[in-house]
C-alpha atoms as a PDB file:
ATOM      1  CA  MET A   1       0.100  -0.118   0.649  1.00  0.00           C
ATOM      2  CA  ALA A   2       2.952   2.228   0.962  1.00  0.00           C
ATOM      3  CA  ASP A   3       4.733   1.806  -2.410  1.00  0.00           C
ATOM      4  CA  THR A   4       1.273   1.900  -4.298  1.00  0.00           C
ATOM      5  CA  CYS A   5       0.959   5.416  -2.273  1.00  0.00           C
ATOM      6  CA  GLY A   6       4.520   6.829  -2.949  1.00  0.00           C
ATOM      7  CA  GLN A   7       3.693   5.659  -6.938  1.00  0.00           C
ATOM      8  CA  VAL A   8       0.861   7.944  -7.170  1.00  0.00           C
ATOM      9  CA  LEU A   9       3.034  11.106  -4.981  1.00  0.00           C
ATOM     10  CA  LEU A  10       5.210  10.686  -7.806  1.00  0.00           C
ATOM     11  CA  GLY A  11       2.864  10.253 -10.946  1.00  0.00           C
ATOM     12  CA  SER A  12       0.968  13.338  -9.742  1.00  0.00           C
ATOM     13  CA  GLY A  13       4.155  15.621  -9.154  1.00  0.00           C
ATOM     14  CA  LEU A  14       5.401  14.328 -12.514  1.00  0.00           C
ATOM     15  CA  THR A  15       1.749  14.893 -14.099  1.00  0.00           C
ATOM     16  CA  VAL A  16       1.598  18.595 -13.049  1.00  0.00           C
ATOM     17  CA  LEU A  17       5.432  18.899 -14.285  1.00  0.00           C
ATOM     18  CA  SER A  18       4.419  17.845 -17.293  1.00  0.00           C
ATOM     19  CA  HIS A  19       0.801  18.961 -18.106  1.00  0.00           C
ATOM     20  CA  PRO A  20       1.869  22.238 -20.320  1.00  0.00           C
ATOM     21  CA  LEU A  21       4.151  19.926 -22.796  1.00  0.00           C
ATOM     22  CA  MET A  22       1.137  17.383 -23.337  1.00  0.00           C
ATOM     23  CA  TYR A  23      -1.649  20.649 -23.569  1.00  0.00           C
ATOM     24  CA  ILE A  24       0.787  21.969 -26.141  1.00  0.00           C
ATOM     25  CA  LYS A  25       1.428  18.733 -28.083  1.00  0.00           C
ATOM     26  CA  VAL A  26      -2.230  17.656 -28.391  1.00  0.00           C
ATOM     27  CA  LEU A  27      -2.946  21.026 -29.890  1.00  0.00           C
ATOM     28  CA  VAL A  28      -0.661  20.501 -32.326  1.00  0.00           C
ATOM     29  CA  GLN A  29      -1.626  17.504 -33.353  1.00  0.00           C
ATOM     30  CA  VAL A  30      -5.333  18.362 -33.493  1.00  0.00           C
ATOM     31  CA  GLY A  31      -3.655  20.859 -36.422  1.00  0.00           C
ATOM     32  CA  HIS A  32      -4.243  24.150 -34.460  1.00  0.00           C
ATOM     33  CA  GLU A  33      -1.726  26.985 -35.305  1.00  0.00           C
ATOM     34  CA  PRO A  34      -2.224  30.260 -33.775  1.00  0.00           C
ATOM     35  CA  LEU A  35       0.968  31.504 -34.753  1.00  0.00           C
ATOM     36  CA  PRO A  36       2.434  32.264 -38.123  1.00  0.00           C
ATOM     37  CA  PRO A  37       5.734  30.188 -39.253  1.00  0.00           C
ATOM     38  CA  THR A  38       9.028  32.306 -38.322  1.00  0.00           C
ATOM     39  CA  LEU A  39      12.056  32.708 -40.485  1.00  0.00           C
ATOM     40  CA  GLY A  40      14.863  30.518 -38.559  1.00  0.00           C
ATOM     41  CA  ARG A  41      17.644  28.429 -38.330  1.00  0.00           C
ATOM     42  CA  ASN A  42      17.852  24.613 -38.699  1.00  0.00           C
ATOM     43  CA  LEU A  43      20.478  21.949 -36.326  1.00  0.00           C
ATOM     44  CA  PHE A  44      23.010  22.710 -39.059  1.00  0.00           C
ATOM     45  CA  GLY A  45      22.383  26.396 -39.717  1.00  0.00           C
ATOM     46  CA  ARG A  46      20.901  27.066 -42.819  1.00  0.00           C
ATOM     47  CA  GLN A  47      17.496  29.779 -42.765  1.00  0.00           C
ATOM     48  CA  VAL A  48      13.795  27.957 -43.014  1.00  0.00           C
ATOM     49  CA  TYR A  49      10.820  28.817 -42.527  1.00  0.00           C
ATOM     50  CA  GLN A  50       9.962  27.332 -39.245  1.00  0.00           C
ATOM     51  CA  LEU A  51       6.688  26.645 -37.062  1.00  0.00           C
ATOM     52  CA  PRO A  52       6.591  28.071 -33.440  1.00  0.00           C
ATOM     53  CA  GLY A  53       8.195  25.833 -31.449  1.00  0.00           C
ATOM     54  CA  LEU A  54       7.164  24.833 -27.506  1.00  0.00           C
ATOM     55  CA  PHE A  55       8.291  28.303 -25.986  1.00  0.00           C
ATOM     56  CA  ALA A  56       6.361  30.426 -28.596  1.00  0.00           C
ATOM     57  CA  TYR A  57       3.216  28.097 -27.658  1.00  0.00           C
ATOM     58  CA  ALA A  58       3.394  28.489 -24.389  1.00  0.00           C
ATOM     59  CA  LYS A  59       3.681  32.275 -24.591  1.00  0.00           C
ATOM     60  CA  HIS A  60       0.854  32.750 -26.132  1.00  0.00           C
ATOM     61  CA  ILE A  61      -1.433  30.576 -24.204  1.00  0.00           C
ATOM     62  CA  ILE A  62      -0.046  32.516 -21.448  1.00  0.00           C
ATOM     63  CA  LYS A  63      -1.225  35.963 -23.205  1.00  0.00           C
ATOM     64  CA  ILE A  64      -4.720  34.467 -24.078  1.00  0.00           C
ATOM     65  CA  ASP A  65      -5.489  32.545 -20.537  1.00  0.00           C
ATOM     66  CA  GLY A  66      -2.794  33.518 -18.270  1.00  0.00           C
ATOM     67  CA  LYS A  67      -0.224  30.839 -16.294  1.00  0.00           C
ATOM     68  CA  SER A  68      -2.621  29.005 -15.223  1.00  0.00           C
ATOM     69  CA  GLY A  69      -4.174  28.320 -18.923  1.00  0.00           C
ATOM     70  CA  LEU A  70      -1.122  25.420 -19.098  1.00  0.00           C
ATOM     71  CA  PHE A  71      -2.997  23.636 -17.078  1.00  0.00           C
ATOM     72  CA  ASN A  72      -6.355  23.124 -18.602  1.00  0.00           C
ATOM     73  CA  GLY A  73      -7.383  19.469 -18.172  1.00  0.00           C
ATOM     74  CA  LEU A  74      -5.117  18.950 -15.368  1.00  0.00           C
ATOM     75  CA  ALA A  75      -7.895  17.686 -12.555  1.00  0.00           C
ATOM     76  CA  PRO A  76      -9.423  14.720 -14.945  1.00  0.00           C
ATOM     77  CA  ARG A  77      -5.540  13.776 -15.680  1.00  0.00           C
ATOM     78  CA  LEU A  78      -4.747  13.847 -12.188  1.00  0.00           C
ATOM     79  CA  VAL A  79      -7.638  11.662 -11.733  1.00  0.00           C
ATOM     80  CA  ALA A  80      -6.956   8.717 -14.409  1.00  0.00           C
ATOM     81  CA  GLY A  81      -3.201   8.905 -13.436  1.00  0.00           C
ATOM     82  CA  THR A  82      -4.650   8.225  -9.935  1.00  0.00           C
ATOM     83  CA  ILE A  83      -6.936   5.570 -10.533  1.00  0.00           C
ATOM     84  CA  GLY A  84      -4.522   3.874 -13.096  1.00  0.00           C
ATOM     85  CA  THR A  85      -1.772   3.599 -11.078  1.00  0.00           C
ATOM     86  CA  VAL A  86      -4.255   1.838  -8.172  1.00  0.00           C
ATOM     87  CA  VAL A  87      -5.405  -0.302 -10.787  1.00  0.00           C
ATOM     88  CA  HIS A  88      -2.403  -0.948 -12.584  1.00  0.00           C
ATOM     89  CA  SER A  89      -0.278  -2.212  -9.549  1.00  0.00           C
ATOM     90  CA  LYS A  90      -3.884  -4.664  -8.087  1.00  0.00           C
ATOM     91  CA  VAL A  91      -3.562  -6.191 -11.379  1.00  0.00           C
ATOM     92  CA  LEU A  92       0.243  -6.972 -10.879  1.00  0.00           C
ATOM     93  CA  GLN A  93      -0.681  -8.051  -7.526  1.00  0.00           C
ATOM     94  CA  VAL A  94      -3.007 -11.101  -8.616  1.00  0.00           C
ATOM     95  CA  ARG A  95      -1.155 -14.566  -8.576  1.00  0.00           C
ATOM     96  CA  PHE A  96      -1.453 -16.093 -12.566  1.00  0.00           C
ATOM     97  CA  ARG A  97      -0.770 -19.567 -12.580  1.00  0.00           C
ATOM     98  CA  ILE A  98       1.757 -19.374 -15.870  1.00  0.00           C
ATOM     99  CA  LEU A  99       2.201 -16.056 -17.410  1.00  0.00           C
ATOM    100  CA  PHE A 100       5.356 -14.289 -19.037  1.00  0.00           C
ATOM    101  CA  THR A 101       6.199 -11.147 -17.154  1.00  0.00           C
ATOM    102  CA  THR A 102       5.303  -9.533 -19.987  1.00  0.00           C
ATOM    103  CA  THR A 103       2.517 -10.874 -20.969  1.00  0.00           C
ATOM    104  CA  LYS A 104       1.448  -9.554 -16.949  1.00  0.00           C
ATOM    105  CA  GLU A 105       2.409  -6.008 -17.760  1.00  0.00           C
ATOM    106  CA  MET A 106       0.674  -6.044 -21.017  1.00  0.00           C
ATOM    107  CA  ILE A 107      -2.691  -6.967 -18.463  1.00  0.00           C
ATOM    108  CA  ALA A 108      -1.952  -4.706 -15.899  1.00  0.00           C
ATOM    109  CA  ARG A 109      -1.127  -1.755 -18.704  1.00  0.00           C
ATOM    110  CA  SER A 110      -4.767  -2.676 -20.478  1.00  0.00           C
ATOM    111  CA  CYS A 111      -6.636  -2.612 -17.491  1.00  0.00           C
ATOM    112  CA  ALA A 112      -5.313   0.373 -16.090  1.00  0.00           C
ATOM    113  CA  THR A 113      -5.460   2.022 -19.887  1.00  0.00           C
ATOM    114  CA  ILE A 114      -9.774   1.064 -20.339  1.00  0.00           C
ATOM    115  CA  VAL A 115     -10.657   2.076 -17.002  1.00  0.00           C
ATOM    116  CA  THR A 116      -9.155   5.407 -16.980  1.00  0.00           C
ATOM    117  CA  HIS A 117      -9.662   5.739 -20.612  1.00  0.00           C
ATOM    118  CA  PRO A 118     -12.798   8.298 -20.128  1.00  0.00           C
ATOM    119  CA  PHE A 119     -10.709  10.614 -17.496  1.00  0.00           C
ATOM    120  CA  HIS A 120      -8.269  10.906 -20.822  1.00  0.00           C
ATOM    121  CA  VAL A 121     -10.753  11.500 -23.121  1.00  0.00           C
ATOM    122  CA  ILE A 122     -12.258  14.377 -20.915  1.00  0.00           C
ATOM    123  CA  THR A 123      -8.808  15.767 -20.537  1.00  0.00           C
ATOM    124  CA  LEU A 124      -7.761  16.246 -24.332  1.00  0.00           C
ATOM    125  CA  ARG A 125     -11.824  17.583 -24.463  1.00  0.00           C
ATOM    126  CA  CYS A 126     -10.629  20.217 -22.080  1.00  0.00           C
ATOM    127  CA  MET A 127      -7.462  21.054 -23.731  1.00  0.00           C
ATOM    128  CA  VAL A 128      -9.142  21.573 -27.403  1.00  0.00           C
ATOM    129  CA  GLN A 129     -11.409  23.906 -26.210  1.00  0.00           C
ATOM    130  CA  PHE A 130      -8.560  26.644 -26.756  1.00  0.00           C
ATOM    131  CA  ILE A 131      -9.386  26.130 -30.185  1.00  0.00           C
ATOM    132  CA  GLY A 132     -13.014  27.487 -29.976  1.00  0.00           C
ATOM    133  CA  ARG A 133     -12.974  29.542 -26.616  1.00  0.00           C
ATOM    134  CA  GLU A 134     -15.623  27.215 -25.679  1.00  0.00           C
ATOM    135  CA  ALA A 135     -16.785  26.249 -21.848  1.00  0.00           C
ATOM    136  CA  LYS A 136     -18.156  22.768 -22.584  1.00  0.00           C
ATOM    137  CA  TYR A 137     -16.211  20.788 -20.133  1.00  0.00           C
ATOM    138  CA  SER A 138     -15.871  22.814 -17.217  1.00  0.00           C
ATOM    139  CA  GLY A 139     -15.130  19.968 -14.710  1.00  0.00           C
ATOM    140  CA  VAL A 140     -14.748  16.486 -13.635  1.00  0.00           C
ATOM    141  CA  PHE A 141     -18.343  15.470 -12.526  1.00  0.00           C
ATOM    142  CA  ASP A 142     -19.670  17.835 -15.532  1.00  0.00           C
ATOM    143  CA  SER A 143     -17.710  16.683 -18.730  1.00  0.00           C
ATOM    144  CA  ILE A 144     -19.014  13.226 -17.357  1.00  0.00           C
ATOM    145  CA  ILE A 145     -22.568  14.025 -17.464  1.00  0.00           C
ATOM    146  CA  THR A 146     -22.465  15.831 -20.672  1.00  0.00           C
ATOM    147  CA  VAL A 147     -20.307  12.861 -22.307  1.00  0.00           C
ATOM    148  CA  TYR A 148     -22.760  10.958 -21.071  1.00  0.00           C
ATOM    149  CA  ARG A 149     -26.151  12.987 -21.795  1.00  0.00           C
ATOM    150  CA  GLU A 150     -24.581  13.730 -25.705  1.00  0.00           C
ATOM    151  CA  GLU A 151     -22.657  10.228 -26.563  1.00  0.00           C
ATOM    152  CA  GLY A 152     -23.521   7.566 -24.092  1.00  0.00           C
ATOM    153  CA  ILE A 153     -21.240   5.050 -22.497  1.00  0.00           C
ATOM    154  CA  LEU A 154     -19.165   5.069 -26.001  1.00  0.00           C
ATOM    155  CA  GLY A 155     -18.168   8.488 -25.812  1.00  0.00           C
ATOM    156  CA  PHE A 156     -15.843   7.658 -22.689  1.00  0.00           C
ATOM    157  CA  PHE A 157     -13.979   5.275 -24.856  1.00  0.00           C
ATOM    158  CA  ALA A 158     -13.961   6.902 -28.199  1.00  0.00           C
ATOM    159  CA  GLY A 159     -10.113   6.469 -29.319  1.00  0.00           C
ATOM    160  CA  LEU A 160      -9.543   3.284 -26.790  1.00  0.00           C
ATOM    161  CA  ILE A 161      -8.651   1.370 -29.356  1.00  0.00           C
ATOM    162  CA  PRO A 162      -5.562   2.867 -30.919  1.00  0.00           C
ATOM    163  CA  ARG A 163      -4.573   3.510 -27.559  1.00  0.00           C
ATOM    164  CA  LEU A 164      -4.057  -0.096 -26.276  1.00  0.00           C
ATOM    165  CA  VAL A 165      -2.668  -1.066 -29.822  1.00  0.00           C
ATOM    166  CA  GLY A 166      -0.304   1.029 -29.181  1.00  0.00           C
ATOM    167  CA  ASP A 167       0.780   0.383 -25.608  1.00  0.00           C
ATOM    168  CA  VAL A 168       0.494  -3.372 -26.198  1.00  0.00           C
ATOM    169  CA  LEU A 169       2.830  -2.374 -29.419  1.00  0.00           C
ATOM    170  CA  SER A 170       4.978  -0.463 -27.094  1.00  0.00           C
ATOM    171  CA  LEU A 171       5.504  -2.931 -24.465  1.00  0.00           C
ATOM    172  CA  TRP A 172       6.170  -6.028 -26.561  1.00  0.00           C
ATOM    173  CA  ILE A 173       8.404  -3.714 -28.584  1.00  0.00           C
ATOM    174  CA  CYS A 174      10.358  -2.406 -25.913  1.00  0.00           C
ATOM    175  CA  ASN A 175      10.514  -5.616 -23.915  1.00  0.00           C
ATOM    176  CA  LEU A 176      11.916  -7.476 -26.810  1.00  0.00           C
ATOM    177  CA  LEU A 177      14.555  -4.641 -27.887  1.00  0.00           C
ATOM    178  CA  ALA A 178      15.692  -4.719 -24.302  1.00  0.00           C
ATOM    179  CA  HIS A 179      16.345  -8.269 -24.275  1.00  0.00           C
ATOM    180  CA  LEU A 180      18.434  -8.491 -27.803  1.00  0.00           C
ATOM    181  CA  ILE A 181      20.479  -5.442 -26.129  1.00  0.00           C
ATOM    182  CA  ASN A 182      21.212  -6.636 -23.015  1.00  0.00           C
ATOM    183  CA  THR A 183      21.720 -10.359 -24.959  1.00  0.00           C
ATOM    184  CA  TYR A 184      24.000  -9.421 -27.692  1.00  0.00           C
ATOM    185  CA  ALA A 185      24.705  -6.146 -27.929  1.00  0.00           C
ATOM    186  CA  ILE A 186      26.288  -5.352 -23.976  1.00  0.00           C
ATOM    187  CA  ASP A 187      29.214  -6.792 -22.342  1.00  0.00           C
ATOM    188  CA  ASP A 188      29.294  -8.794 -19.168  1.00  0.00           C
ATOM    189  CA  SER A 189      31.707  -6.559 -17.565  1.00  0.00           C
ATOM    190  CA  VAL A 190      28.989  -3.720 -17.204  1.00  0.00           C
ATOM    191  CA  SER A 191      26.826  -4.110 -14.224  1.00  0.00           C
ATOM    192  CA  LEU A 192      23.379  -5.155 -14.357  1.00  0.00           C
ATOM    193  CA  CYS A 193      21.961  -2.030 -12.909  1.00  0.00           C
ATOM    194  CA  GLU A 194      23.565  -0.107 -15.989  1.00  0.00           C
ATOM    195  CA  ILE A 195      22.750  -2.292 -18.529  1.00  0.00           C
ATOM    196  CA  LYS A 196      18.875  -2.228 -17.458  1.00  0.00           C
ATOM    197  CA  ASN A 197      19.001   1.682 -17.481  1.00  0.00           C
ATOM    198  CA  CYS A 198      20.800   1.554 -20.967  1.00  0.00           C
ATOM    199  CA  SER A 199      18.554  -0.723 -22.540  1.00  0.00           C
ATOM    200  CA  GLN A 200      15.725   0.838 -20.994  1.00  0.00           C
ATOM    201  CA  ALA A 201      16.269   4.217 -21.612  1.00  0.00           C
ATOM    202  CA  VAL A 202      17.174   3.351 -25.647  1.00  0.00           C
ATOM    203  CA  THR A 203      14.364   0.822 -26.009  1.00  0.00           C
ATOM    204  CA  GLY A 204      11.732   3.303 -24.703  1.00  0.00           C
ATOM    205  CA  PHE A 205      12.378   5.915 -26.995  1.00  0.00           C
ATOM    206  CA  PHE A 206      12.762   3.395 -29.953  1.00  0.00           C
ATOM    207  CA  ALA A 207       9.482   2.108 -29.135  1.00  0.00           C
ATOM    208  CA  SER A 208       7.245   5.065 -28.441  1.00  0.00           C
ATOM    209  CA  MET A 209       8.894   6.319 -32.110  1.00  0.00           C
ATOM    210  CA  LEU A 210       7.314   3.688 -33.532  1.00  0.00           C
ATOM    211  CA  THR A 211       3.493   3.411 -31.764  1.00  0.00           C
ATOM    212  CA  TYR A 212       3.397   7.506 -32.016  1.00  0.00           C
ATOM    213  CA  PRO A 213       0.664   7.515 -34.951  1.00  0.00           C
ATOM    214  CA  PHE A 214      -1.624   5.153 -32.929  1.00  0.00           C
ATOM    215  CA  VAL A 215      -0.860   8.028 -29.931  1.00  0.00           C
ATOM    216  CA  LEU A 216      -1.915  10.520 -32.438  1.00  0.00           C
ATOM    217  CA  VAL A 217      -5.111   8.727 -34.028  1.00  0.00           C
ATOM    218  CA  SER A 218      -6.210   7.499 -30.505  1.00  0.00           C
ATOM    219  CA  ASN A 219      -6.393  11.645 -29.687  1.00  0.00           C
ATOM    220  CA  LEU A 220      -7.864  12.621 -32.322  1.00  0.00           C
ATOM    221  CA  MET A 221     -10.823  10.239 -32.412  1.00  0.00           C
ATOM    222  CA  ALA A 222     -11.009  11.378 -28.590  1.00  0.00           C
ATOM    223  CA  VAL A 223     -12.170  14.658 -29.818  1.00  0.00           C
ATOM    224  CA  ASN A 224     -13.803  14.006 -33.330  1.00  0.00           C
ATOM    225  CA  ASN A 225     -17.165  14.994 -33.575  1.00  0.00           C
ATOM    226  CA  CYS A 226     -17.676  15.754 -29.794  1.00  0.00           C
ATOM    227  CA  GLY A 227     -19.499  19.236 -31.194  1.00  0.00           C
ATOM    228  CA  LEU A 228     -15.998  21.173 -30.310  1.00  0.00           C
ATOM    229  CA  ALA A 229     -14.459  23.176 -33.073  1.00  0.00           C
ATOM    230  CA  GLY A 230     -10.808  21.536 -32.461  1.00  0.00           C
ATOM    231  CA  GLY A 231     -12.946  18.353 -33.653  1.00  0.00           C
ATOM    232  CA  LEU A 232     -14.941  19.429 -36.374  1.00  0.00           C
ATOM    233  CA  PRO A 233     -14.088  20.875 -40.133  1.00  0.00           C
ATOM    234  CA  PRO A 234     -12.160  22.433 -40.856  1.00  0.00           C
ATOM    235  CA  TYR A 235      -9.913  21.313 -38.131  1.00  0.00           C
ATOM    236  CA  ALA A 236     -10.828  17.503 -38.492  1.00  0.00           C
ATOM    237  CA  ALA A 237     -12.924  15.633 -40.755  1.00  0.00           C
ATOM    238  CA  VAL A 238     -15.773  13.576 -39.143  1.00  0.00           C
ATOM    239  CA  TYR A 239     -14.399  10.143 -39.265  1.00  0.00           C
ATOM    240  CA  PRO A 240     -16.622   6.839 -38.737  1.00  0.00           C
ATOM    241  CA  THR A 241     -13.677   4.410 -37.340  1.00  0.00           C
ATOM    242  CA  TRP A 242     -10.278   5.157 -36.271  1.00  0.00           C
ATOM    243  CA  LEU A 243      -8.959   3.476 -39.208  1.00  0.00           C
ATOM    244  CA  ASP A 244     -10.382   6.188 -41.526  1.00  0.00           C
ATOM    245  CA  CYS A 245      -8.620   8.440 -39.366  1.00  0.00           C
ATOM    246  CA  TRP A 246      -5.322   6.594 -39.403  1.00  0.00           C
ATOM    247  CA  SER A 247      -6.174   6.815 -43.516  1.00  0.00           C
ATOM    248  CA  HIS A 248      -6.660  10.193 -43.974  1.00  0.00           C
ATOM    249  CA  LEU A 249      -3.783  11.236 -41.663  1.00  0.00           C
ATOM    250  CA  SER A 250      -1.245   8.611 -43.915  1.00  0.00           C
ATOM    251  CA  ARG A 251      -2.235  10.395 -47.449  1.00  0.00           C
ATOM    252  CA  GLU A 252      -1.655  13.682 -45.834  1.00  0.00           C
ATOM    253  CA  GLY A 253       1.737  12.739 -44.781  1.00  0.00           C
ATOM    254  CA  ASN A 254       0.607  13.625 -40.884  1.00  0.00           C
ATOM    255  CA  MET A 255       1.488  10.940 -39.577  1.00  0.00           C
ATOM    256  CA  SER A 256       3.910  12.492 -37.132  1.00  0.00           C
ATOM    257  CA  ARG A 257       1.987  15.852 -36.256  1.00  0.00           C
ATOM    258  CA  GLY A 258       2.952  16.858 -32.812  1.00  0.00           C
ATOM    259  CA  ASN A 259       6.172  14.470 -32.598  1.00  0.00           C
ATOM    260  CA  SER A 260       7.878  17.278 -31.950  1.00  0.00           C
ATOM    261  CA  LEU A 261       7.672  20.705 -30.262  1.00  0.00           C
ATOM    262  CA  PHE A 262      11.149  21.921 -31.841  1.00  0.00           C
ATOM    263  CA  PHE A 263      12.474  23.082 -35.150  1.00  0.00           C
ATOM    264  CA  ARG A 264       9.348  22.384 -36.419  1.00  0.00           C
ATOM    265  CA  LYS A 265       9.261  22.290 -40.205  1.00  0.00           C
ATOM    266  CA  LEU A 266       6.516  23.234 -42.271  1.00  0.00           C
ATOM    267  CA  PRO A 267       4.114  20.724 -43.662  1.00  0.00           C
ATOM    268  CA  ALA A 268       5.208  20.072 -47.365  1.00  0.00           C
ATOM    269  CA  GLY A 269       2.630  21.337 -49.907  1.00  0.00           C
ATOM    270  CA  LYS A 270       0.396  23.236 -46.908  1.00  0.00           C
ATOM    271  CA  THR A 271      -0.736  26.457 -47.712  1.00  0.00           C
ATOM    272  CA  TYR A 272      -1.117  29.159 -43.693  1.00  0.00           C
ATOM    273  CA  ALA A 273      -4.437  30.123 -43.240  1.00  0.00           C
ATOM    274  CA  ILE A 274      -4.223  32.832 -41.085  1.00  0.00           C
ATOM    275  CA  GLU A 275      -7.883  32.946 -40.104  1.00  0.00           C
ATOM    276  CA  GLN A 276      -8.569  29.165 -39.435  1.00  0.00           C
ATOM    277  CA  LYS A 277      -5.394  29.381 -38.011  1.00  0.00           C
ATOM    278  CA  ARG A 278      -4.313  25.989 -39.390  1.00  0.00           C
ATOM    279  CA  PHE A 279      -2.726  24.613 -42.844  1.00  0.00           C
ATOM    280  CA  PHE A 280      -5.347  23.426 -45.589  1.00  0.00           C
END
């Protein structure tokens, strides 16, 4: 119990610190570009037109909503984090007769994801309200009522499937790569602790890069056609399924949109629309 409480407190602290980053990332994922491209330099010192990065975007939000505006959607995210930590811990404590460690971890993560997804949906919608300056989702309980009234139970699980698929793939890719690195790429003289830290960092980054499209599609489906400007045309088409969303993003070359918040290059073949604050 003490370990779980410690994990909840640590997780909550990290959530608060990282929330502005996630907030800006979600707005970029949806396609909201409130600031026009500016002339800057890339990593090689060459002058190129770039989209505003993390800090410029944060200043824009602060200018409109103040510093507290960077924490829109924090409350449901904290609730999701707390519940997810508890569920994950409880599932891991269940004794399964014959299960690999990765399979057990997969079950625990999946259970936590399913239970907390309704709060994840509310978090994303609280963030996306910034685009249309709406106030439809103003609190955890009021938002629960709003989602249920307008979309029923299924509304709480919008975007769940690609999120689950991405989580499962990320876990297996990460563990498989870690096993290969620990077995074939690292010398026996290196300590076990150093091996684990190195392999986890490398494989975690690589797995997140490979499965990012699932994160993007999941977040877009969570806000798609929910009555907010950020989930309706012109920001997004109305997608019948997440596969339609995936297909559309793939055709447009937007599968990595929002993956980086620094040195953001202009989308190829797109025109910036000042009034809509996005690219077409």
